[in-house]
Structure formats: C-alpha cells, structure tokens
Amino acid sequence: MDVAWDADGRRLATVSVDNTVAVWDTTDSSRPRLMLSLREHTNYVQGVAWDPLGTYLCSMGADRLLRVYEWSVDRKRVVRSIAISTISRGDHEQERAPQEDADRCSANNEPKLIRDEAPLVKDTESRRIPQQRLFESQGLLHFFRRLAWSPDGSFFICPAGIVIETETETPGELGACSSRRRSKGAHIFARTNLMVPLLHLGGHKESVLGARFCPLRFVRRRGESELDAEPWRSRLPYRLAFAIYSAHGLYLYDTETPHPIGAALGLHYGAVTDVAWSPDASFILMASLDGFLSLVWFENPSELGTPYQEPTQVRHSAEDLITDPETHSSVIFSAIQTVSCDRDDYHLEAPSPDLDCPLRAETGSRAEVATGSCA
C-alpha cells in the first residue's frame, strides 16, 4: 500500500494489508533480502516514511496508530518502538474542565462539548485526564495514510488527523461558553519531541490522505526579529514548502503561514491517490483513480520564493538544536482561523544526526514503548 526508500537508497520499506512493515536490503539489486518484518500493527498498514537522517522509520495504519521505530547505529535492527494514538486534552488545547464547559453550554442552550475520547488515564497526581484521539478510524473511505518527513528531518506530517478547534466564545448568564468542533486535517511532529504533535493543520472538510514535501528550500520572508510573531515560530534558516492532499485535490503550505498558500481542487473525476513534486519544484504531479495524471505548473519560476543557498560552513550549538519536551504545547492551524495555546516557548529547530534523543513517553500521552529487535 506504500513504499519508501531510505536516504542512501540501500533499504526499502514496504507496507501491506497483511499488517506488516517489511524492510528490504537492496544492496544486491538482483536479489533483495528481507531484513526485518515488523508486525506490531493490528490492521492494514497504509503509509510508511524514512527519516532522512536514518534514525527513525514511521508507519501509519487503519488501527489509528502512528508507530515510530528507532534504528540502531549500524542501521541493522530496531532498538525501540512506540505507538502514538491519543493526546491529553490539555496538550491539544488550553486545559479546562470538560464537564464544566458542558454544563455552561447546556445552561445557555448552546451546543455541548464534542467528545471523541479514549478511556481516561491517570497522571502522577492521580488526576483523570481526558484523552483525545489523533487519527481517524478504519472507517476512512480511502486506503492511504501517506505520512512524510521534511527533507532536512526537522519534522514530519501525519495525515488522517482529527483536529478539535475552539470556536468563538458566546457570553451567557453563567459566563463565557466556548464550543468545540471537530475537523479533518493533519498533525505535525517535531524531531525534538516525537510523542506530542507540535502543530495541527485543521479546517478541512475531507480526510487528508497524505503529504509530500517540495525538494527545494527557500529564503525566509521574515527575519529573526519576527520569530515570535509568526505562527510556526521556526528557527530554521530557510523556509520549507509542502502539499497535503485529499481525495478532491491538494493544498500548498509553507513553514511561515498557518493557512494554505494555494490549492488545486476538482481536477479529477476519481479520488486523488498520490502527489509528487518535480526535482526543480516547477510542477506537481497528481495521480487519480480515474486513470489520469494531472500536472500543476507554477506560472513563475519564483512562485514559491527564492531558492535558499546553503552557507559554506554551518555551525549549530546544542542549545540551538534541542528544546525541552516538557515545555511543549500544540498549536492548531485551521484553514479558517488560528488558535494557539497559552505556552509558546517551543520552536521548530534545525536537526542534527548527533543529537537525536531516545524516544520517551510523555505524561498524559497514550503510547506503547517496546525495546529490542523486531523480527
């Protein structure tokens, strides 16, 4: 259902309806050798992506799980894996007592709190925290959940996301009441914290089936002095562009805007199945179930911006690359509005292959952690 090559082209990951992620050694192209068969998914596996730096392999399936496999230094075995399916309500939005909100809304004849929760879990203080599911169920009408890593390995995008958005508060006798609605979208995970989404791209009416990154990097529109003003709060010295697509078409984003910068919709009679960028980023190719391919050309070569030129020598300190996962909070990006949490001290950082942190479980996040090689 999906395939992915690693950065050096020696290993190929394939996923299938047999619930497995297979990793093949293709050093001898005439006789590929099966290295590993990872059987941790409990339903169809619908997407797979390699970390460009070679540390992680990620997969998504109809079991509503994102699985992240951490590879050994010699890239021959999996030393640790996690499964991410939910997030605590306090990480997904500003923390508030759910029952109190529901009572207020009921008293003012406003819509009640929308709930899509996993079973409640207890944190270290024995306080029950509601869990919000991150991904759509197996009832998704399409067969793909094609996630993608950014070319520099700083973050990756997971499709088939469920995003809870807080709408305008309505005043009432008992105080303000904020209603919440569910939309479809995608979740973005930063390399510095793979347990909790950094951003949520919501506001879509159709399920997001996949994401694909532009191979080029572009000069930033904003300077360092404007870091805190931009929604992404990116410390990357360049700007990245990417496309997320649904059955109806694709939407273009970059790492400086919270909303789509372009869209190509309604070009096919059938559902869009995959998207690919040209090496020079001059056009995007869309494939569809109707048997046709579409080319979406950019009118001007500089439509997406000026290509970024790498400095001759780039030096990063550990302080510039690693942030504290304990201070992490999520930001919801909607096609209609932008909603941010109260904590804003987390940034998108440039990655370093020497500074990867081992996978760790966060308080309030529902994740399974396993160690040892998988066969």
Protein backbone atom coordinates (compact mmCIF):
# COMPACT_ATOMS: atom_id res chain seq x y z
CA MET A 1 0.00 0.00 0.00
CA ASP A 2 3.04 2.24 0.29
CA VAL A 3 6.82 2.10 -0.18
CA ALA A 4 9.70 4.31 0.98
CA TRP A 5 13.43 4.34 0.27
CA ASP A 6 15.92 5.39 2.93
CA ALA A 7 18.28 8.30 2.30
CA ASP A 8 21.16 6.24 0.87
CA GLY A 9 18.92 4.02 -1.27
CA ARG A 10 20.10 0.77 0.30
CA ARG A 11 16.94 -0.12 2.22
CA LEU A 12 13.35 -0.20 1.05
CA ALA A 13 10.37 -0.24 3.43
CA THR A 14 7.07 -1.69 2.19
CA VAL A 15 3.70 -1.91 3.94
CA SER A 16 0.72 -4.06 3.07
CA VAL A 17 -2.71 -5.38 4.02
CA ASP A 18 -1.01 -8.21 5.95
CA ASN A 19 -0.47 -5.71 8.82
CA THR A 20 3.33 -5.74 8.43
CA VAL A 21 6.13 -3.30 7.72
CA ALA A 22 8.85 -5.08 5.73
CA VAL A 23 12.38 -3.69 5.41
CA TRP A 24 14.44 -4.94 2.46
CA ASP A 25 18.19 -4.78 1.87
CA THR A 26 18.62 -3.83 -1.79
CA THR A 27 22.43 -3.67 -1.89
CA ASP A 28 22.25 -6.54 -4.37
CA SER A 29 19.53 -5.24 -6.66
CA SER A 30 19.15 -8.61 -8.37
CA ARG A 31 18.31 -10.39 -5.10
CA PRO A 32 16.75 -8.11 -2.44
CA ARG A 33 16.99 -9.58 1.06
CA LEU A 34 14.31 -9.25 3.75
CA MET A 35 16.00 -7.67 6.78
CA LEU A 36 13.06 -7.23 9.16
CA SER A 37 9.35 -7.90 9.28
CA LEU A 38 7.69 -5.61 11.83
CA ARG A 39 4.29 -7.00 12.87
CA GLU A 40 3.16 -4.53 15.53
CA HIS A 41 0.18 -3.05 13.65
CA THR A 42 -3.18 -4.76 14.21
CA ASN A 43 -4.79 -3.64 10.95
CA TYR A 44 -3.81 -2.64 7.42
CA VAL A 45 -0.62 -0.56 7.26
CA GLN A 46 -1.32 2.35 4.91
CA GLY A 47 1.76 4.58 4.97
CA VAL A 48 5.49 4.50 5.68
CA ALA A 49 8.31 7.09 5.68
CA TRP A 50 12.04 7.06 6.46
CA ASP A 51 13.75 9.74 8.48
CA PRO A 52 16.24 11.46 6.09
CA LEU A 53 18.90 11.17 8.81
CA GLY A 54 18.34 7.41 9.09
CA THR A 55 17.38 7.24 12.78
CA TYR A 56 13.61 6.66 12.57
CA LEU A 57 11.13 4.74 10.44
CA CYS A 58 7.48 5.78 10.80
CA SER A 59 4.32 3.97 9.74
CA MET A 60 0.57 4.58 9.98
CA GLY A 61 -2.30 2.11 9.76
CA ALA A 62 -6.04 1.59 9.93
CA ASP A 63 -5.59 0.71 13.63
CA ARG A 64 -5.37 4.52 14.23
CA LEU A 65 -1.75 4.26 15.33
CA LEU A 66 1.39 6.11 14.39
CA ARG A 67 4.36 3.82 15.01
CA VAL A 68 7.91 5.15 15.25
CA TYR A 69 10.81 2.70 15.09
CA GLU A 70 14.25 3.81 16.28
CA TRP A 71 17.14 2.13 14.49
CA SER A 72 20.49 1.08 15.90
CA VAL A 73 23.64 2.99 14.96
CA ASP A 74 24.62 0.32 12.42
CA ARG A 75 21.09 0.54 10.87
CA LYS A 76 20.62 -3.24 11.11
CA ARG A 77 17.98 -3.60 13.82
CA VAL A 78 15.23 -1.76 15.67
CA VAL A 79 16.20 -0.91 19.24
CA ARG A 80 12.98 0.78 20.32
CA SER A 81 9.47 1.45 19.04
CA ILE A 82 6.48 3.48 20.19
CA ALA A 83 2.81 3.66 19.22
CA ILE A 84 1.04 7.03 19.37
CA SER A 85 -2.75 7.18 19.17
CA THR A 86 -4.04 9.82 21.58
CA ILE A 87 -3.08 13.07 23.23
CA SER A 88 -4.20 14.55 26.52
CA ARG A 89 -6.83 17.23 26.16
CA GLY A 90 -4.54 19.74 27.87
CA ASP A 91 -1.92 19.27 25.14
CA HIS A 92 -4.43 19.64 22.31
CA GLU A 93 -5.96 22.88 23.54
CA GLN A 94 -5.97 25.17 26.54
CA GLU A 95 -6.72 22.98 29.51
CA ARG A 96 -10.20 23.34 31.00
CA ALA A 97 -12.60 21.11 32.92
CA PRO A 98 -14.69 19.36 30.19
CA GLN A 99 -17.75 18.79 32.37
CA GLU A 100 -17.78 22.43 33.47
CA ASP A 101 -17.82 23.54 29.83
CA ALA A 102 -20.62 21.11 29.03
CA ASP A 103 -22.73 22.38 31.94
CA ARG A 104 -22.26 26.01 30.91
CA CYS A 105 -23.22 25.29 27.32
CA SER A 106 -26.31 23.38 28.41
CA ALA A 107 -27.43 26.22 30.64
CA ASN A 108 -27.17 28.71 27.77
CA ASN A 109 -28.81 26.46 25.16
CA GLU A 110 -25.52 26.31 23.25
CA PRO A 111 -24.01 23.20 21.62
CA LYS A 112 -22.48 20.83 24.14
CA LEU A 113 -18.85 19.83 24.20
CA ILE A 114 -17.99 17.48 21.37
CA ARG A 115 -16.28 14.39 22.72
CA ASP A 116 -14.14 11.88 20.88
CA GLU A 117 -12.17 10.42 23.72
CA ALA A 118 -10.21 7.32 24.53
CA PRO A 119 -10.57 5.85 28.05
CA LEU A 120 -9.43 8.18 30.80
CA VAL A 121 -5.95 7.68 32.25
CA LYS A 122 -4.38 8.93 35.47
CA ASP A 123 -1.26 11.03 35.68
CA THR A 124 1.27 11.16 38.50
CA GLU A 125 -1.07 13.32 40.60
CA SER A 126 -3.93 10.80 40.24
CA ARG A 127 -5.94 13.35 38.26
CA ARG A 128 -8.08 11.91 35.49
CA ILE A 129 -7.13 13.42 32.12
CA PRO A 130 -9.40 13.01 29.07
CA GLN A 131 -7.62 11.62 26.03
CA GLN A 132 -8.29 12.91 22.51
CA ARG A 133 -7.79 10.55 19.58
CA LEU A 134 -5.39 11.91 16.97
CA PHE A 135 -6.33 9.89 13.89
CA GLU A 136 -9.42 8.78 12.01
CA SER A 137 -10.79 5.26 12.41
CA GLN A 138 -10.69 2.40 9.91
CA GLY A 139 -13.93 3.82 8.53
CA LEU A 140 -11.76 6.16 6.43
CA LEU A 141 -13.10 5.68 2.89
CA HIS A 142 -9.67 5.63 1.25
CA PHE A 143 -6.75 3.23 1.52
CA PHE A 144 -3.87 5.62 2.17
CA ARG A 145 -2.32 7.43 5.13
CA ARG A 146 0.91 8.53 3.47
CA LEU A 147 2.98 10.43 6.00
CA ALA A 148 6.15 12.32 5.03
CA TRP A 149 9.36 13.61 6.62
CA SER A 150 10.70 17.05 5.76
CA PRO A 151 13.85 16.97 3.57
CA ASP A 152 16.03 18.16 6.47
CA GLY A 153 14.48 15.77 9.00
CA SER A 154 13.30 18.54 11.33
CA PHE A 155 9.65 17.38 11.37
CA PHE A 156 7.15 15.05 9.72
CA ILE A 157 3.48 15.26 8.78
CA CYS A 158 0.83 12.66 9.62
CA PRO A 159 -2.42 12.62 7.57
CA ALA A 160 -5.89 11.36 8.56
CA GLY A 161 -5.83 13.66 11.57
CA ILE A 162 -8.69 14.68 13.85
CA VAL A 163 -8.43 18.31 14.97
CA ILE A 164 -10.59 19.82 17.72
CA GLU A 165 -11.00 23.57 17.23
CA THR A 166 -12.33 26.06 19.76
CA GLU A 167 -14.82 28.46 18.20
CA THR A 168 -15.81 31.98 19.28
CA GLU A 169 -16.92 32.16 22.88
CA THR A 170 -20.57 33.02 23.49
CA PRO A 171 -21.42 35.15 26.57
CA GLY A 172 -24.14 33.88 28.87
CA GLU A 173 -25.55 34.20 32.34
CA LEU A 174 -23.01 31.79 33.80
CA GLY A 175 -20.08 33.23 31.93
CA ALA A 176 -18.46 32.66 28.56
CA CYS A 177 -19.01 29.30 26.86
CA SER A 178 -16.65 28.05 24.16
CA SER A 179 -17.99 25.46 21.74
CA ARG A 180 -15.70 22.98 20.04
CA ARG A 181 -16.00 21.36 16.66
CA ARG A 182 -14.17 18.51 15.01
CA SER A 183 -12.48 18.99 11.65
CA LYS A 184 -10.23 16.88 9.47
CA GLY A 185 -6.60 17.72 8.97
CA ALA A 186 -3.01 16.68 9.62
CA HIS A 187 -0.65 16.64 12.62
CA ILE A 188 2.96 17.81 12.56
CA PHE A 189 5.53 16.20 14.87
CA ALA A 190 8.86 17.94 15.52
CA ARG A 191 12.01 15.85 15.72
CA THR A 192 12.76 17.22 19.18
CA ASN A 193 9.53 15.67 20.55
CA LEU A 194 8.05 12.71 18.69
CA MET A 195 5.45 11.99 21.38
CA VAL A 196 3.20 15.06 21.11
CA PRO A 197 2.20 16.97 17.94
CA LEU A 198 3.80 20.37 17.55
CA LEU A 199 1.14 21.73 15.17
CA HIS A 200 -2.33 20.81 13.93
CA LEU A 201 -3.44 21.76 10.41
CA GLY A 202 -7.23 21.69 10.60
CA GLY A 203 -10.27 23.16 8.92
CA HIS A 204 -10.53 20.61 6.10
CA LYS A 205 -13.86 19.05 5.17
CA GLU A 206 -12.35 15.93 3.61
CA SER A 207 -9.90 13.46 5.12
CA VAL A 208 -6.24 14.25 4.45
CA LEU A 209 -4.71 11.21 2.72
CA GLY A 210 -1.06 12.17 2.51
CA ALA A 211 1.68 14.79 2.43
CA ARG A 212 4.59 15.47 0.09
CA PHE A 213 7.47 17.95 0.55
CA CYS A 214 8.96 20.24 -2.02
CA PRO A 215 12.59 19.14 -2.58
CA LEU A 216 13.89 22.73 -2.56
CA ARG A 217 14.39 25.11 0.37
CA PHE A 218 13.53 28.79 0.08
CA VAL A 219 14.72 32.06 1.55
CA ARG A 220 12.67 33.17 4.53
CA ARG A 221 10.28 36.07 4.09
CA ARG A 222 10.70 37.12 7.72
CA GLY A 223 13.82 37.86 9.71
CA GLU A 224 14.93 36.55 13.09
CA SER A 225 13.43 39.61 14.78
CA GLU A 226 9.98 38.47 13.65
CA LEU A 227 10.35 34.95 15.06
CA ASP A 228 7.80 35.36 17.84
CA ALA A 229 5.27 36.99 15.52
CA GLU A 230 4.94 34.08 13.10
CA PRO A 231 2.68 31.11 13.94
CA TRP A 232 5.30 28.45 13.19
CA ARG A 233 7.92 30.10 15.44
CA SER A 234 10.52 28.46 13.19
CA ARG A 235 14.23 28.82 13.87
CA LEU A 236 15.11 27.14 10.60
CA PRO A 237 17.33 29.42 8.48
CA TYR A 238 15.17 28.61 5.46
CA ARG A 239 11.53 28.08 4.55
CA LEU A 240 10.08 24.71 3.52
CA ALA A 241 7.04 24.14 1.30
CA PHE A 242 4.81 21.08 1.23
CA ALA A 243 1.50 19.80 -0.09
CA ILE A 244 -1.17 17.85 1.75
CA TYR A 245 -3.83 16.19 -0.35
CA SER A 246 -7.33 14.78 -0.02
CA ALA A 247 -9.45 12.82 -2.48
CA HIS A 248 -10.58 16.09 -4.07
CA GLY A 249 -7.20 17.78 -4.60
CA LEU A 250 -4.20 19.31 -2.86
CA TYR A 251 -3.34 22.29 -0.62
CA LEU A 252 0.02 24.05 -0.50
CA TYR A 253 1.61 25.23 2.77
CA ASP A 254 4.95 26.59 3.89
CA THR A 255 6.62 26.94 7.28
CA GLU A 256 5.75 30.61 7.70
CA THR A 257 1.99 30.67 7.16
CA PRO A 258 -0.78 28.97 9.17
CA HIS A 259 -3.13 28.65 6.20
CA PRO A 260 -2.83 27.25 2.64
CA ILE A 261 -0.94 29.45 0.19
CA GLY A 262 -2.50 27.69 -2.79
CA ALA A 263 -4.85 24.87 -3.81
CA ALA A 264 -5.66 22.72 -6.84
CA LEU A 265 -9.09 21.12 -6.47
CA GLY A 266 -11.59 19.28 -8.64
CA LEU A 267 -9.23 18.27 -11.45
CA HIS A 268 -10.23 14.59 -11.45
CA TYR A 269 -13.39 12.51 -11.62
CA GLY A 270 -11.90 9.96 -9.22
CA ALA A 271 -10.12 10.28 -5.89
CA VAL A 272 -6.53 11.54 -5.82
CA THR A 273 -4.22 8.70 -4.76
CA ASP A 274 -0.77 10.30 -4.63
CA VAL A 275 1.18 13.51 -5.27
CA ALA A 276 4.81 14.11 -6.30
CA TRP A 277 6.99 17.20 -6.80
CA SER A 278 9.36 17.67 -9.72
CA PRO A 279 13.07 17.89 -8.71
CA ASP A 280 13.19 21.60 -9.60
CA ALA A 281 9.82 22.33 -7.92
CA SER A 282 8.39 23.70 -11.20
CA PHE A 283 5.32 21.47 -11.14
CA ILE A 284 3.38 18.96 -9.03
CA LEU A 285 2.08 15.65 -10.38
CA MET A 286 -1.25 14.24 -9.15
CA ALA A 287 -2.42 10.64 -9.73
CA SER A 288 -6.08 9.61 -9.52
CA LEU A 289 -8.32 6.56 -9.56
CA ASP A 290 -9.87 7.84 -12.81
CA GLY A 291 -6.71 6.67 -14.60
CA PHE A 292 -5.37 10.14 -15.40
CA LEU A 293 -2.40 12.22 -14.23
CA SER A 294 -2.53 15.98 -13.73
CA LEU A 295 0.39 18.41 -13.91
CA VAL A 296 0.04 21.56 -11.85
CA TRP A 297 2.59 24.08 -13.17
CA PHE A 298 3.72 27.24 -11.41
CA GLU A 299 3.36 30.27 -13.66
CA ASN A 300 6.60 31.89 -12.49
CA PRO A 301 9.84 30.09 -11.54
CA SER A 302 9.92 32.14 -8.33
CA GLU A 303 6.28 31.47 -7.43
CA LEU A 304 7.27 29.71 -4.20
CA GLY A 305 10.17 32.04 -3.44
CA THR A 306 13.90 32.41 -3.94
CA PRO A 307 15.87 29.15 -3.56
CA TYR A 308 17.96 29.06 -0.41
CA GLN A 309 21.73 28.73 -0.78
CA GLU A 310 23.47 26.76 1.96
CA PRO A 311 26.34 28.63 3.68
CA THR A 312 29.82 27.24 3.12
CA GLN A 313 30.14 26.32 6.80
CA VAL A 314 27.18 25.84 9.11
CA ARG A 315 27.70 25.55 12.86
CA HIS A 316 25.00 24.76 15.38
CA SER A 317 25.26 24.54 19.14
CA ALA A 318 23.34 22.05 21.24
CA GLU A 319 21.26 24.90 22.67
CA ASP A 320 20.10 25.82 19.18
CA LEU A 321 19.06 22.27 18.34
CA ILE A 322 17.47 20.80 21.45
CA THR A 323 14.42 22.14 23.25
CA ASP A 324 12.84 20.91 26.44
CA PRO A 325 10.00 18.45 25.63
CA GLU A 326 8.40 19.19 28.99
CA THR A 327 7.51 22.73 27.87
CA HIS A 328 5.99 21.54 24.60
CA SER A 329 2.46 22.57 23.63
CA SER A 330 0.43 22.25 20.45
CA VAL A 331 -0.81 24.89 18.07
CA ILE A 332 -3.95 24.41 15.99
CA PHE A 333 -3.82 25.76 12.45
CA SER A 334 -7.20 25.98 10.76
CA ALA A 335 -7.98 26.95 7.19
CA ILE A 336 -10.42 29.38 8.80
CA GLN A 337 -8.62 30.64 11.89
CA THR A 338 -5.50 30.18 14.00
CA VAL A 339 -5.80 29.05 17.63
CA SER A 340 -2.73 28.87 19.88
CA CYS A 341 -2.15 27.51 23.36
CA ASP A 342 -1.01 29.56 26.33
CA ARG A 343 2.53 28.14 26.29
CA ASP A 344 4.57 29.42 23.35
CA ASP A 345 8.17 28.59 24.17
CA TYR A 346 8.54 25.68 21.77
CA HIS A 347 10.16 26.15 18.37
CA LEU A 348 10.85 24.29 15.16
CA GLU A 349 14.59 23.59 15.22
CA ALA A 350 17.23 22.52 12.72
CA PRO A 351 18.05 18.80 13.21
CA SER A 352 21.40 17.19 13.91
CA PRO A 353 22.14 13.46 13.50
CA ASP A 354 24.42 13.56 16.54
CA LEU A 355 21.82 14.99 18.91
CA ASP A 356 18.83 12.66 18.49
CA CYS A 357 17.12 11.91 21.78
CA PRO A 358 15.75 8.41 22.50
CA LEU A 359 12.02 8.03 22.28
CA ARG A 360 10.28 8.75 25.56
CA ALA A 361 6.71 8.65 26.84
CA GLU A 362 5.15 11.91 27.99
CA THR A 363 2.81 12.27 30.95
CA GLY A 364 -0.76 12.15 29.72
CA SER A 365 0.08 10.72 26.28
CA ARG A 366 -1.09 7.25 25.44
CA ALA A 367 1.88 5.43 23.96
CA GLU A 368 3.27 1.95 23.98
CA VAL A 369 7.04 1.62 24.26
CA ALA A 370 8.90 -1.56 23.37
CA THR A 371 12.62 -2.28 23.23
CA GLY A 372 14.66 -4.92 21.48
CA SER A 373 14.89 -6.01 17.86
CA CYS A 374 11.73 -6.83 15.92
CA ALA A 375 11.61 -9.80 13.58
